[in-house]
Protein backbone atom coordinates (compact mmCIF):
# COMPACT_ATOMS: atom_id res chain seq x y z
CA MET A 1 -0.79 18.78 -32.53
CA ARG A 2 -0.22 15.33 -33.98
CA LEU A 3 2.12 13.62 -31.95
CA SER A 4 4.06 10.82 -32.88
CA PHE A 5 6.59 8.43 -31.42
CA GLY A 6 8.56 5.50 -32.77
CA LYS A 7 9.43 3.99 -29.33
CA ILE A 8 7.56 4.64 -26.11
CA LEU A 9 9.00 2.94 -22.47
CA ALA A 10 6.34 3.54 -19.75
CA LEU A 11 7.97 3.02 -16.32
CA ALA A 12 6.24 1.89 -13.36
CA ALA A 13 7.55 1.42 -9.75
CA HIS A 14 4.84 -0.96 -8.95
CA LEU A 15 2.83 -3.39 -11.64
CA ASP A 16 -0.55 -1.38 -11.85
CA ASP A 17 1.08 2.14 -12.17
CA VAL A 18 0.96 2.10 -15.99
CA GLU A 19 -2.55 0.88 -15.72
CA LEU A 20 -3.47 3.79 -13.71
CA GLY A 21 -1.47 6.57 -14.99
CA CYS A 22 -1.10 5.97 -18.45
CA ALA A 23 -3.22 3.24 -20.17
CA GLY A 24 -5.08 5.29 -22.17
CA PHE A 25 -1.84 6.81 -23.90
CA LEU A 26 -0.64 3.81 -24.53
CA SER A 27 -3.91 2.58 -26.24
CA LYS A 28 -3.62 5.32 -28.47
CA PHE A 29 -0.07 4.64 -29.71
CA ARG A 30 -0.06 1.13 -29.60
CA SER A 31 -0.59 0.64 -33.59
CA SER A 32 2.15 3.18 -34.31
CA ALA A 33 4.85 2.98 -31.94
CA GLU A 34 6.90 0.41 -30.17
CA ILE A 35 5.70 0.03 -26.51
CA HIS A 36 7.39 -1.37 -23.56
CA LEU A 37 6.03 -1.42 -20.16
CA LEU A 38 8.96 -2.15 -17.26
CA ALA A 39 7.90 -2.40 -13.85
CA LEU A 40 10.47 -2.50 -11.15
CA SER A 41 8.75 -4.59 -8.36
CA ARG A 42 6.21 -6.57 -7.84
CA GLU A 43 6.20 -7.18 -4.16
CA ARG A 44 3.12 -5.90 -1.76
CA ARG A 45 4.58 -4.79 1.78
CA ASN A 46 3.10 -4.02 4.92
CA SER A 47 3.84 -0.79 6.93
CA LEU A 48 6.35 -2.86 8.91
CA GLY A 49 8.01 -3.50 5.45
CA GLU A 50 7.62 -6.92 5.91
CA VAL A 51 6.91 -9.00 2.53
CA GLN A 52 3.22 -9.33 2.67
CA GLU A 53 2.49 -10.74 -1.32
CA VAL A 54 4.74 -11.61 -4.17
CA ARG A 55 2.37 -10.58 -6.90
CA ASP A 56 1.53 -13.36 -9.61
CA LEU A 57 2.39 -11.91 -13.13
CA SER A 58 -0.67 -13.03 -15.08
CA GLU A 59 -2.62 -10.11 -13.83
CA ALA A 60 -0.30 -8.04 -15.44
CA HIS A 61 0.00 -9.88 -18.63
CA ARG A 62 -3.96 -9.54 -18.89
CA ALA A 63 -3.83 -5.93 -18.05
CA THR A 64 -0.79 -5.92 -20.67
CA ARG A 65 -3.20 -7.52 -23.53
CA ARG A 66 -6.21 -5.34 -22.61
CA MET A 67 -4.42 -2.21 -23.79
CA GLY A 68 -3.78 -3.32 -27.04
CA LEU A 69 -0.06 -5.03 -26.31
CA LYS A 70 1.65 -7.80 -26.85
CA LYS A 71 2.45 -10.08 -23.60
CA SER A 72 6.01 -9.74 -24.32
CA SER A 73 5.99 -6.23 -23.98
CA LEU A 74 5.82 -6.36 -20.21
CA LEU A 75 9.67 -6.26 -18.54
CA VAL A 76 9.81 -6.70 -14.90
CA GLU A 77 12.31 -6.49 -12.21
CA ASN A 78 12.74 -7.18 -8.49
CA VAL A 79 13.40 -3.64 -6.46
CA PRO A 80 11.85 -4.12 -2.97
CA THR A 81 8.88 -2.07 -2.45
CA GLN A 82 8.70 0.93 -0.47
CA LEU A 83 12.86 0.53 -0.67
CA PHE A 84 13.64 2.39 -4.10
CA ASP A 85 15.42 5.03 -2.02
CA SER A 86 17.95 2.67 -0.57
CA HIS A 87 18.30 1.45 -4.02
CA THR A 88 18.74 4.15 -6.10
CA GLN A 89 22.30 2.93 -7.84
CA ALA A 90 20.36 -0.47 -8.59
CA ILE A 91 17.01 1.49 -10.19
CA ARG A 92 19.76 3.61 -12.44
CA GLU A 93 21.70 0.55 -13.44
CA ILE A 94 18.45 -1.12 -14.68
CA LEU A 95 17.23 2.06 -16.44
CA LEU A 96 20.50 2.16 -18.11
CA HIS A 97 20.26 -1.35 -19.31
CA TYR A 98 16.78 -0.91 -21.01
CA ASN A 99 17.81 2.31 -22.30
CA LYS A 100 20.45 1.03 -24.29
CA ILE A 101 18.47 -2.16 -25.51
CA ILE A 102 15.47 -0.49 -26.25
CA GLN A 103 16.18 3.44 -27.32
CA PRO A 104 12.99 4.89 -26.43
CA ASP A 105 12.37 8.46 -27.63
CA LEU A 106 9.63 8.86 -25.31
CA VAL A 107 9.49 7.75 -21.70
CA LEU A 108 6.55 7.61 -19.22
CA THR A 109 7.29 7.76 -15.53
CA PRO A 110 4.91 8.51 -12.72
CA SER A 111 5.39 12.12 -11.19
CA LYS A 112 7.97 13.59 -9.26
CA ASN A 113 5.40 15.22 -7.18
CA ASP A 114 3.60 12.10 -6.19
CA ILE A 115 3.43 10.97 -2.40
CA HIS A 116 4.39 7.79 -2.56
CA GLN A 117 8.19 7.20 -2.16
CA ASP A 118 8.44 4.39 -4.74
CA HIS A 119 7.36 6.78 -7.28
CA ARG A 120 9.25 9.96 -6.66
CA ALA A 121 12.63 7.87 -6.42
CA LEU A 122 11.67 6.13 -9.82
CA CYS A 123 10.91 9.59 -11.39
CA GLU A 124 14.42 11.11 -9.96
CA GLN A 125 16.33 8.44 -11.66
CA ALA A 126 14.13 8.41 -14.83
CA GLU A 127 15.10 12.25 -15.26
CA LYS A 128 19.25 11.30 -14.83
CA VAL A 129 18.90 8.31 -17.19
CA PHE A 130 16.89 9.86 -20.20
CA LYS A 131 18.13 12.89 -20.48
CA ARG A 132 18.39 13.15 -24.12
CA VAL A 133 14.36 11.96 -24.95
CA SER A 134 10.99 13.23 -24.38
CA LEU A 135 10.24 12.45 -20.37
CA LEU A 136 6.31 12.80 -19.47
CA GLY A 137 5.11 12.40 -15.64
CA TYR A 138 1.66 10.67 -15.71
CA GLU A 139 -1.11 10.81 -12.56
CA ILE A 140 -1.87 8.10 -10.32
CA VAL A 141 -5.22 8.53 -8.63
CA ASN A 142 -4.27 7.82 -5.41
CA SER A 143 -0.91 9.41 -4.40
CA SER A 144 -0.63 12.20 -6.99
CA PHE A 145 -1.95 15.21 -5.04
CA THR A 146 0.05 17.91 -6.30
CA PHE A 147 -0.21 17.04 -9.91
CA LEU A 148 0.53 20.23 -12.39
CA PRO A 149 -0.37 18.90 -15.83
CA ASP A 150 1.32 20.90 -19.12
CA LEU A 151 0.28 18.02 -21.49
CA PHE A 152 -3.41 16.70 -22.20
CA VAL A 153 -4.19 13.71 -24.35
CA GLU A 154 -7.40 13.27 -25.87
CA LEU A 155 -8.83 9.59 -25.53
CA SER A 156 -11.28 8.02 -27.57
CA GLU A 157 -13.88 5.91 -26.40
CA LYS A 158 -12.03 2.89 -27.10
CA ASP A 159 -8.82 3.72 -25.25
CA MET A 160 -10.69 4.57 -22.51
CA ALA A 161 -12.61 0.94 -22.51
CA ARG A 162 -8.90 -0.50 -23.04
CA LYS A 163 -8.16 1.81 -19.72
CA VAL A 164 -10.59 0.50 -17.60
CA ALA A 165 -10.78 -3.10 -18.49
CA ALA A 166 -6.84 -3.26 -17.87
CA VAL A 167 -7.39 -1.80 -14.36
CA SER A 168 -10.07 -4.02 -14.16
CA CYS A 169 -7.42 -7.18 -14.11
CA TYR A 170 -5.66 -6.43 -11.03
CA LYS A 171 -8.44 -8.37 -9.04
CA SER A 172 -5.78 -9.20 -6.25
CA GLN A 173 -5.59 -5.17 -5.33
CA MET A 174 -9.40 -4.76 -4.87
CA ASN A 175 -9.55 -6.64 -1.88
CA PRO A 176 -10.63 -4.55 1.25
CA SER A 177 -9.24 -6.38 3.75
CA ILE A 178 -5.49 -5.75 2.43
CA THR A 179 -5.56 -2.53 1.04
CA THR A 180 -7.86 0.66 0.09
CA ALA A 181 -7.99 0.28 -3.60
CA ASP A 182 -11.29 1.92 -4.30
CA TYR A 183 -9.53 3.76 -6.61
CA PHE A 184 -9.50 0.95 -9.02
CA SER A 185 -13.05 0.90 -9.77
CA LYS A 186 -14.34 2.03 -13.17
CA GLN A 187 -16.34 4.86 -11.56
CA VAL A 188 -12.98 6.39 -10.49
CA ILE A 189 -11.12 5.77 -13.73
CA GLU A 190 -13.62 7.23 -15.89
CA ALA A 191 -14.27 10.13 -13.50
CA MET A 192 -10.58 11.28 -13.59
CA ALA A 193 -10.35 10.83 -17.43
CA VAL A 194 -13.97 12.66 -17.35
CA SER A 195 -12.13 15.77 -15.34
CA ARG A 196 -9.23 15.94 -17.40
CA GLY A 197 -11.13 15.73 -20.62
CA ALA A 198 -13.24 18.65 -19.18
CA LYS A 199 -10.32 20.89 -19.16
CA ILE A 200 -9.91 20.65 -23.37
CA GLY A 201 -13.40 19.94 -24.29
CA VAL A 202 -13.19 16.18 -24.77
CA PRO A 203 -15.16 13.66 -23.34
CA TYR A 204 -12.11 11.55 -22.20
CA ALA A 205 -8.42 12.84 -21.17
CA GLU A 206 -5.31 11.72 -19.58
CA ALA A 207 -2.88 14.61 -18.29
CA PHE A 208 0.70 14.56 -17.65
CA GLU A 209 3.57 16.68 -16.15
CA VAL A 210 6.24 17.74 -19.35
CA TYR A 211 9.73 17.48 -17.85
CA ARG A 212 11.39 17.06 -21.45
CA PHE A 213 9.92 17.50 -24.62
CA VAL A 214 12.36 16.34 -27.83
CA VAL A 215 11.54 17.52 -31.03
CA ARG A 216 13.89 15.69 -33.95
């Protein structure tokens, strides 16, 4: 089955979510679709809810370019990390705003089954806002423990290389003193893609939950 999309909007609760979950997909369609990335938060908080870092956008801009996209493809909002459940109306208004401006025909979101509360809250609002377009949930290795994929997308060697390169841009998230981010490693990223690819008999793939698929 050959898929084609006019406009793709990839949603992220945090700056690195898209790279971890669907960078290969975005690389695959970078030449045939208009692609936008929307990250809702740039903070990092500790277990007490205290802001430890307001993340530098330079890493995210480099990652965007490594996926083969323009720097201007990245849009960033300022919803408080770990507090998405308390800001659902603000999130919904943000999504409504960009839905009106971009008018995507495909939206990618973190999984509704993700254990991270921000990811689930974002997906819940995405389901409410993007009711008339295709909506897919992507997999994040460290938080998608109950993930039930319906769609597998083959990745080329180049798509895989771009995904690894994009994830590797987040050097600040690989500091063992502040986070257990071993899942940013090339080995883990490639292993995930190999595992998903094995399901469909190809070297590499990304998997998605299909929440809505619209054919016009």
